[in-house]
Amino acid sequence: MYLFANPNEEEAWDIHTPHWHGQTATVAHMRMDMVMLTPMMSIVADMVPDNPGIWLFHCHMPGHFAAGMRTRFEVLTK
């Protein structure tokens, strides 16, 4: 998956912290369930969803969650 911060964000402090519940992704050879994105930044995250269930995906930054930067995703069993 590709993650990116909005290129129109001009404030250096407007970071995002995408967080997957119940799963981990590999970013730069490290397994993690959250990454930090600064404006104009992009990363590639490799994920093999192996934990079935309905999980939350959201941003940890104050105000972002309340503003709707969240969703649920479902991992099905094989």
PDB file of N, CA and C in Angstrom:
ATOM      1  N   MET A   1       0.843  -1.161   0.000  1.00  0.00           N
ATOM      2  CA  MET A   1       0.000   0.000   0.000  1.00  0.00           C
ATOM      3  C   MET A   1       0.888   1.223   0.000  1.00  0.00           C
ATOM      4  N   TYR A   2       0.365   2.297  -0.523  1.00  0.00           N
ATOM      5  CA  TYR A   2       1.088   3.557  -0.560  1.00  0.00           C
ATOM      6  C   TYR A   2       0.409   4.517   0.402  1.00  0.00           C
ATOM      7  N   LEU A   3       1.196   5.146   1.245  1.00  0.00           N
ATOM      8  CA  LEU A   3       0.691   6.141   2.187  1.00  0.00           C
ATOM      9  C   LEU A   3       1.351   7.467   1.864  1.00  0.00           C
ATOM     10  N   PHE A   4       0.570   8.527   1.873  1.00  0.00           N
ATOM     11  CA  PHE A   4       1.158   9.830   1.592  1.00  0.00           C
ATOM     12  C   PHE A   4       0.433  10.907   2.366  1.00  0.00           C
ATOM     13  N   ALA A   5       1.171  11.970   2.662  1.00  0.00           N
ATOM     14  CA  ALA A   5       0.595  13.153   3.303  1.00  0.00           C
ATOM     15  C   ALA A   5       0.205  14.121   2.196  1.00  0.00           C
ATOM     16  N   ASN A   6      -0.828  14.868   2.425  1.00  0.00           N
ATOM     17  CA  ASN A   6      -1.354  15.807   1.443  1.00  0.00           C
ATOM     18  C   ASN A   6      -0.262  16.783   1.007  1.00  0.00           C
ATOM     19  N   PRO A   7       0.050  16.841  -0.289  1.00  0.00           N
ATOM     20  CA  PRO A   7       1.098  17.773  -0.739  1.00  0.00           C
ATOM     21  C   PRO A   7       0.703  19.233  -0.594  1.00  0.00           C
ATOM     22  N   ASN A   8      -0.559  19.513  -0.334  1.00  0.00           N
ATOM     23  CA  ASN A   8      -1.004  20.896  -0.160  1.00  0.00           C
ATOM     24  C   ASN A   8      -0.861  21.384   1.280  1.00  0.00           C
ATOM     25  N   GLU A   9      -0.486  20.483   2.193  1.00  0.00           N
ATOM     26  CA  GLU A   9      -0.287  20.895   3.582  1.00  0.00           C
ATOM     27  C   GLU A   9       1.027  21.660   3.676  1.00  0.00           C
ATOM     28  N   GLU A  10       0.935  22.892   4.059  1.00  0.00           N
ATOM     29  CA  GLU A  10       2.128  23.731   4.109  1.00  0.00           C
ATOM     30  C   GLU A  10       2.695  23.847   5.514  1.00  0.00           C
ATOM     31  N   GLU A  11       1.928  23.460   6.509  1.00  0.00           N
ATOM     32  CA  GLU A  11       2.392  23.555   7.888  1.00  0.00           C
ATOM     33  C   GLU A  11       3.277  22.357   8.213  1.00  0.00           C
ATOM     34  N   ALA A  12       4.488  22.598   8.647  1.00  0.00           N
ATOM     35  CA  ALA A  12       5.426  21.522   8.954  1.00  0.00           C
ATOM     36  C   ALA A  12       4.953  20.660  10.112  1.00  0.00           C
ATOM     37  N   TRP A  13       4.096  21.186  10.964  1.00  0.00           N
ATOM     38  CA  TRP A  13       3.637  20.436  12.133  1.00  0.00           C
ATOM     39  C   TRP A  13       2.434  19.565  11.819  1.00  0.00           C
ATOM     40  N   ASP A  14       1.851  19.670  10.640  1.00  0.00           N
ATOM     41  CA  ASP A  14       0.645  18.906  10.327  1.00  0.00           C
ATOM     42  C   ASP A  14       1.022  17.494   9.895  1.00  0.00           C
ATOM     43  N   ILE A  15       1.395  16.685  10.872  1.00  0.00           N
ATOM     44  CA  ILE A  15       1.799  15.312  10.594  1.00  0.00           C
ATOM     45  C   ILE A  15       0.608  14.374  10.747  1.00  0.00           C
ATOM     46  N   HIS A  16       0.753  13.195  10.193  1.00  0.00           N
ATOM     47  CA  HIS A  16      -0.258  12.155  10.313  1.00  0.00           C
ATOM     48  C   HIS A  16       0.407  10.891  10.836  1.00  0.00           C
ATOM     49  N   THR A  17      -0.346  10.124  11.596  1.00  0.00           N
ATOM     50  CA  THR A  17       0.169   8.879  12.154  1.00  0.00           C
ATOM     51  C   THR A  17      -0.819   7.752  11.870  1.00  0.00           C
ATOM     52  N   PRO A  18      -0.843   7.236  10.635  1.00  0.00           N
ATOM     53  CA  PRO A  18      -1.744   6.136  10.326  1.00  0.00           C
ATOM     54  C   PRO A  18      -1.444   4.920  11.202  1.00  0.00           C
ATOM     55  N   HIS A  19      -2.483   4.360  11.792  1.00  0.00           N
ATOM     56  CA  HIS A  19      -2.335   3.230  12.711  1.00  0.00           C
ATOM     57  C   HIS A  19      -3.343   2.154  12.349  1.00  0.00           C
ATOM     58  N   TRP A  20      -2.845   0.941  12.109  1.00  0.00           N
ATOM     59  CA  TRP A  20      -3.695  -0.215  11.833  1.00  0.00           C
ATOM     60  C   TRP A  20      -3.847  -1.020  13.105  1.00  0.00           C
ATOM     61  N   HIS A  21      -5.061  -1.293  13.501  1.00  0.00           N
ATOM     62  CA  HIS A  21      -5.294  -2.188  14.634  1.00  0.00           C
ATOM     63  C   HIS A  21      -5.325  -3.624  14.115  1.00  0.00           C
ATOM     64  N   GLY A  22      -4.779  -4.542  14.876  1.00  0.00           N
ATOM     65  CA  GLY A  22      -4.866  -5.964  14.565  1.00  0.00           C
ATOM     66  C   GLY A  22      -3.930  -6.472  13.490  1.00  0.00           C
ATOM     67  N   GLN A  23      -3.187  -5.607  12.838  1.00  0.00           N
ATOM     68  CA  GLN A  23      -2.289  -6.007  11.754  1.00  0.00           C
ATOM     69  C   GLN A  23      -0.982  -5.232  11.888  1.00  0.00           C
ATOM     70  N   THR A  24       0.026  -5.716  11.202  1.00  0.00           N
ATOM     71  CA  THR A  24       1.279  -4.967  11.099  1.00  0.00           C
ATOM     72  C   THR A  24       1.674  -4.886   9.625  1.00  0.00           C
ATOM     73  N   ALA A  25       2.505  -3.932   9.317  1.00  0.00           N
ATOM     74  CA  ALA A  25       3.036  -3.760   7.965  1.00  0.00           C
ATOM     75  C   ALA A  25       4.554  -3.680   8.065  1.00  0.00           C
ATOM     76  N   THR A  26       5.212  -3.968   6.976  1.00  0.00           N
ATOM     77  CA  THR A  26       6.664  -3.835   6.913  1.00  0.00           C
ATOM     78  C   THR A  26       6.996  -2.545   6.166  1.00  0.00           C
ATOM     79  N   VAL A  27       7.740  -1.691   6.846  1.00  0.00           N
ATOM     80  CA  VAL A  27       8.174  -0.417   6.275  1.00  0.00           C
ATOM     81  C   VAL A  27       9.678  -0.332   6.499  1.00  0.00           C
ATOM     82  N   ALA A  28      10.433  -0.215   5.438  1.00  0.00           N
ATOM     83  CA  ALA A  28      11.899  -0.124   5.530  1.00  0.00           C
ATOM     84  C   ALA A  28      12.470  -1.275   6.362  1.00  0.00           C
ATOM     85  N   HIS A  29      11.993  -2.479   6.101  1.00  0.00           N
ATOM     86  CA  HIS A  29      12.461  -3.714   6.743  1.00  0.00           C
ATOM     87  C   HIS A  29      12.114  -3.815   8.224  1.00  0.00           C
ATOM     88  N   MET A  30      11.186  -3.005   8.700  1.00  0.00           N
ATOM     89  CA  MET A  30      10.760  -3.076  10.105  1.00  0.00           C
ATOM     90  C   MET A  30       9.252  -3.297  10.150  1.00  0.00           C
ATOM     91  N   ARG A  31       8.811  -4.186  11.065  1.00  0.00           N
ATOM     92  CA  ARG A  31       7.379  -4.422  11.241  1.00  0.00           C
ATOM     93  C   ARG A  31       6.833  -3.381  12.205  1.00  0.00           C
ATOM     94  N   MET A  32       5.707  -2.793  11.830  1.00  0.00           N
ATOM     95  CA  MET A  32       5.106  -1.770  12.682  1.00  0.00           C
ATOM     96  C   MET A  32       3.609  -1.721  12.429  1.00  0.00           C
ATOM     97  N   ASP A  33       2.888  -1.136  13.372  1.00  0.00           N
ATOM     98  CA  ASP A  33       1.442  -0.961  13.186  1.00  0.00           C
ATOM     99  C   ASP A  33       1.067   0.512  13.075  1.00  0.00           C
ATOM    100  N   MET A  34       2.071   1.384  13.073  1.00  0.00           N
ATOM    101  CA  MET A  34       1.843   2.817  12.923  1.00  0.00           C
ATOM    102  C   MET A  34       3.071   3.438  12.259  1.00  0.00           C
ATOM    103  N   VAL A  35       2.843   4.445  11.435  1.00  0.00           N
ATOM    104  CA  VAL A  35       3.942   5.187  10.818  1.00  0.00           C
ATOM    105  C   VAL A  35       3.695   6.674  11.018  1.00  0.00           C
ATOM    106  N   MET A  36       4.715   7.483  10.816  1.00  0.00           N
ATOM    107  CA  MET A  36       4.564   8.930  10.921  1.00  0.00           C
ATOM    108  C   MET A  36       4.841   9.542   9.554  1.00  0.00           C
ATOM    109  N   LEU A  37       3.914  10.381   9.106  1.00  0.00           N
ATOM    110  CA  LEU A  37       4.050  11.066   7.822  1.00  0.00           C
ATOM    111  C   LEU A  37       4.074  12.568   8.041  1.00  0.00           C
ATOM    112  N   THR A  38       5.076  13.213   7.471  1.00  0.00           N
ATOM    113  CA  THR A  38       5.129  14.670   7.488  1.00  0.00           C
ATOM    114  C   THR A  38       4.633  15.172   6.131  1.00  0.00           C
ATOM    115  N   PRO A  39       4.305  16.451   6.002  1.00  0.00           N
ATOM    116  CA  PRO A  39       3.831  16.957   4.714  1.00  0.00           C
ATOM    117  C   PRO A  39       4.804  16.631   3.576  1.00  0.00           C
ATOM    118  N   MET A  40       4.246  16.276   2.436  1.00  0.00           N
ATOM    119  CA  MET A  40       4.999  15.947   1.220  1.00  0.00           C
ATOM    120  C   MET A  40       5.747  14.624   1.318  1.00  0.00           C
ATOM    121  N   MET A  41       5.476  13.811   2.325  1.00  0.00           N
ATOM    122  CA  MET A  41       6.174  12.544   2.513  1.00  0.00           C
ATOM    123  C   MET A  41       5.300  11.396   2.016  1.00  0.00           C
ATOM    124  N   SER A  42       5.943  10.373   1.475  1.00  0.00           N
ATOM    125  CA  SER A  42       5.221   9.165   1.107  1.00  0.00           C
ATOM    126  C   SER A  42       6.061   7.954   1.492  1.00  0.00           C
ATOM    127  N   ILE A  43       5.394   6.841   1.770  1.00  0.00           N
ATOM    128  CA  ILE A  43       6.080   5.596   2.101  1.00  0.00           C
ATOM    129  C   ILE A  43       5.351   4.449   1.423  1.00  0.00           C
ATOM    130  N   VAL A  44       6.054   3.330   1.308  1.00  0.00           N
ATOM    131  CA  VAL A  44       5.448   2.088   0.841  1.00  0.00           C
ATOM    132  C   VAL A  44       5.410   1.153   2.036  1.00  0.00           C
ATOM    133  N   ALA A  45       4.236   0.616   2.330  1.00  0.00           N
ATOM    134  CA  ALA A  45       4.058  -0.316   3.442  1.00  0.00           C
ATOM    135  C   ALA A  45       3.546  -1.633   2.876  1.00  0.00           C
ATOM    136  N   ASP A  46       4.233  -2.722   3.178  1.00  0.00           N
ATOM    137  CA  ASP A  46       3.812  -4.049   2.729  1.00  0.00           C
ATOM    138  C   ASP A  46       3.081  -4.740   3.870  1.00  0.00           C
ATOM    139  N   MET A  47       1.855  -5.180   3.604  1.00  0.00           N
ATOM    140  CA  MET A  47       1.059  -5.832   4.639  1.00  0.00           C
ATOM    141  C   MET A  47       0.469  -7.126   4.094  1.00  0.00           C
ATOM    142  N   VAL A  48       0.565  -8.182   4.900  1.00  0.00           N
ATOM    143  CA  VAL A  48      -0.140  -9.427   4.635  1.00  0.00           C
ATOM    144  C   VAL A  48      -1.127  -9.580   5.786  1.00  0.00           C
ATOM    145  N   PRO A  49      -2.376  -9.186   5.592  1.00  0.00           N
ATOM    146  CA  PRO A  49      -3.358  -9.253   6.680  1.00  0.00           C
ATOM    147  C   PRO A  49      -3.612 -10.705   7.066  1.00  0.00           C
ATOM    148  N   ASP A  50      -3.221 -11.073   8.282  1.00  0.00           N
ATOM    149  CA  ASP A  50      -3.335 -12.470   8.706  1.00  0.00           C
ATOM    150  C   ASP A  50      -4.104 -12.637  10.009  1.00  0.00           C
ATOM    151  N   ASN A  51      -4.734 -11.587  10.463  1.00  0.00           N
ATOM    152  CA  ASN A  51      -5.490 -11.635  11.712  1.00  0.00           C
ATOM    153  C   ASN A  51      -6.945 -11.280  11.393  1.00  0.00           C
ATOM    154  N   PRO A  52      -7.809 -12.298  11.174  1.00  0.00           N
ATOM    155  CA  PRO A  52      -9.193 -12.032  10.767  1.00  0.00           C
ATOM    156  C   PRO A  52      -9.951 -11.193  11.792  1.00  0.00           C
ATOM    157  N   GLY A  53     -10.849 -10.390  11.289  1.00  0.00           N
ATOM    158  CA  GLY A  53     -11.700  -9.576  12.152  1.00  0.00           C
ATOM    159  C   GLY A  53     -11.984  -8.226  11.521  1.00  0.00           C
ATOM    160  N   ILE A  54     -12.720  -7.417  12.247  1.00  0.00           N
ATOM    161  CA  ILE A  54     -12.998  -6.045  11.829  1.00  0.00           C
ATOM    162  C   ILE A  54     -12.122  -5.143  12.677  1.00  0.00           C
ATOM    163  N   TRP A  55     -11.310  -4.338  12.027  1.00  0.00           N
ATOM    164  CA  TRP A  55     -10.283  -3.556  12.698  1.00  0.00           C
ATOM    165  C   TRP A  55     -10.422  -2.073  12.382  1.00  0.00           C
ATOM    166  N   LEU A  56      -9.836  -1.267  13.246  1.00  0.00           N
ATOM    167  CA  LEU A  56      -9.843   0.182  13.090  1.00  0.00           C
ATOM    168  C   LEU A  56      -8.555   0.637  12.408  1.00  0.00           C
ATOM    169  N   PHE A  57      -8.670   1.581  11.497  1.00  0.00           N
ATOM    170  CA  PHE A  57      -7.539   2.264  10.870  1.00  0.00           C
ATOM    171  C   PHE A  57      -7.777   3.749  11.079  1.00  0.00           C
ATOM    172  N   HIS A  58      -6.827   4.457  11.708  1.00  0.00           N
ATOM    173  CA  HIS A  58      -7.060   5.857  12.065  1.00  0.00           C
ATOM    174  C   HIS A  58      -5.755   6.616  12.217  1.00  0.00           C
ATOM    175  N   CYS A  59      -5.890   7.925  12.370  1.00  0.00           N
ATOM    176  CA  CYS A  59      -4.762   8.807  12.649  1.00  0.00           C
ATOM    177  C   CYS A  59      -4.778   9.156  14.142  1.00  0.00           C
ATOM    178  N   HIS A  60      -3.605   9.116  14.770  1.00  0.00           N
ATOM    179  CA  HIS A  60      -3.497   9.406  16.206  1.00  0.00           C
ATOM    180  C   HIS A  60      -3.423  10.895  16.534  1.00  0.00           C
ATOM    181  N   MET A  61      -3.285  11.751  15.541  1.00  0.00           N
ATOM    182  CA  MET A  61      -3.103  13.171  15.826  1.00  0.00           C
ATOM    183  C   MET A  61      -4.372  13.786  16.414  1.00  0.00           C
ATOM    184  N   PRO A  62      -4.200  14.637  17.438  1.00  0.00           N
ATOM    185  CA  PRO A  62      -5.367  15.270  18.064  1.00  0.00           C
ATOM    186  C   PRO A  62      -6.213  16.002  17.021  1.00  0.00           C
ATOM    187  N   GLY A  63      -7.469  15.780  17.063  1.00  0.00           N
ATOM    188  CA  GLY A  63      -8.385  16.436  16.147  1.00  0.00           C
ATOM    189  C   GLY A  63      -8.620  15.680  14.851  1.00  0.00           C
ATOM    190  N   HIS A  64      -7.642  14.919  14.385  1.00  0.00           N
ATOM    191  CA  HIS A  64      -7.815  14.190  13.131  1.00  0.00           C
ATOM    192  C   HIS A  64      -8.853  13.083  13.277  1.00  0.00           C
ATOM    193  N   PHE A  65      -8.783  12.329  14.373  1.00  0.00           N
ATOM    194  CA  PHE A  65      -9.763  11.260  14.611  1.00  0.00           C
ATOM    195  C   PHE A  65     -11.158  11.859  14.695  1.00  0.00           C
ATOM    196  N   ALA A  66     -11.290  12.929  15.473  1.00  0.00           N
ATOM    197  CA  ALA A  66     -12.600  13.580  15.640  1.00  0.00           C
ATOM    198  C   ALA A  66     -13.107  14.167  14.329  1.00  0.00           C
ATOM    199  N   ALA A  67     -12.194  14.552  13.445  1.00  0.00           N
ATOM    200  CA  ALA A  67     -12.585  15.127  12.160  1.00  0.00           C
ATOM    201  C   ALA A  67     -12.942  14.057  11.132  1.00  0.00           C
ATOM    202  N   GLY A  68     -12.826  12.790  11.524  1.00  0.00           N
ATOM    203  CA  GLY A  68     -13.242  11.714  10.634  1.00  0.00           C
ATOM    204  C   GLY A  68     -12.131  10.949   9.957  1.00  0.00           C
ATOM    205  N   MET A  69     -10.888  11.170  10.360  1.00  0.00           N
ATOM    206  CA  MET A  69      -9.778  10.459   9.745  1.00  0.00           C
ATOM    207  C   MET A  69      -9.660   9.075  10.384  1.00  0.00           C
ATOM    208  N   ARG A  70     -10.669   8.236  10.077  1.00  0.00           N
ATOM    209  CA  ARG A  70     -10.731   6.892  10.633  1.00  0.00           C
ATOM    210  C   ARG A  70     -11.673   6.058   9.768  1.00  0.00           C
ATOM    211  N   THR A  71     -11.449   4.763   9.809  1.00  0.00           N
ATOM    212  CA  THR A  71     -12.335   3.828   9.121  1.00  0.00           C
ATOM    213  C   THR A  71     -12.139   2.445   9.715  1.00  0.00           C
ATOM    214  N   ARG A  72     -13.028   1.554   9.372  1.00  0.00           N
ATOM    215  CA  ARG A  72     -12.875   0.156   9.762  1.00  0.00           C
ATOM    216  C   ARG A  72     -12.502  -0.631   8.511  1.00  0.00           C
ATOM    217  N   PHE A  73     -11.728  -1.698   8.710  1.00  0.00           N
ATOM    218  CA  PHE A  73     -11.429  -2.591   7.593  1.00  0.00           C
ATOM    219  C   PHE A  73     -11.603  -4.020   8.079  1.00  0.00           C
ATOM    220  N   GLU A  74     -11.997  -4.886   7.169  1.00  0.00           N
ATOM    221  CA  GLU A  74     -12.280  -6.272   7.535  1.00  0.00           C
ATOM    222  C   GLU A  74     -11.277  -7.201   6.872  1.00  0.00           C
ATOM    223  N   VAL A  75     -10.729  -8.112   7.688  1.00  0.00           N
ATOM    224  CA  VAL A  75      -9.844  -9.157   7.194  1.00  0.00           C
ATOM    225  C   VAL A  75     -10.623 -10.460   7.293  1.00  0.00           C
ATOM    226  N   LEU A  76     -10.815 -11.114   6.158  1.00  0.00           N
ATOM    227  CA  LEU A  76     -11.581 -12.354   6.106  1.00  0.00           C
ATOM    228  C   LEU A  76     -10.668 -13.557   6.284  1.00  0.00           C
ATOM    229  N   THR A  77     -11.238 -14.670   6.752  1.00  0.00           N
ATOM    230  CA  THR A  77     -10.471 -15.912   6.835  1.00  0.00           C
ATOM    231  C   THR A  77     -10.359 -16.506   5.438  1.00  0.00           C
ATOM    232  N   LYS A  78      -9.348 -17.298   5.243  1.00  0.00           N
ATOM    233  CA  LYS A  78      -9.142 -17.919   3.922  1.00  0.00           C
ATOM    234  C   LYS A  78     -10.164 -18.989   3.668  1.00  0.00           C
TER     235      LYS A  78
END
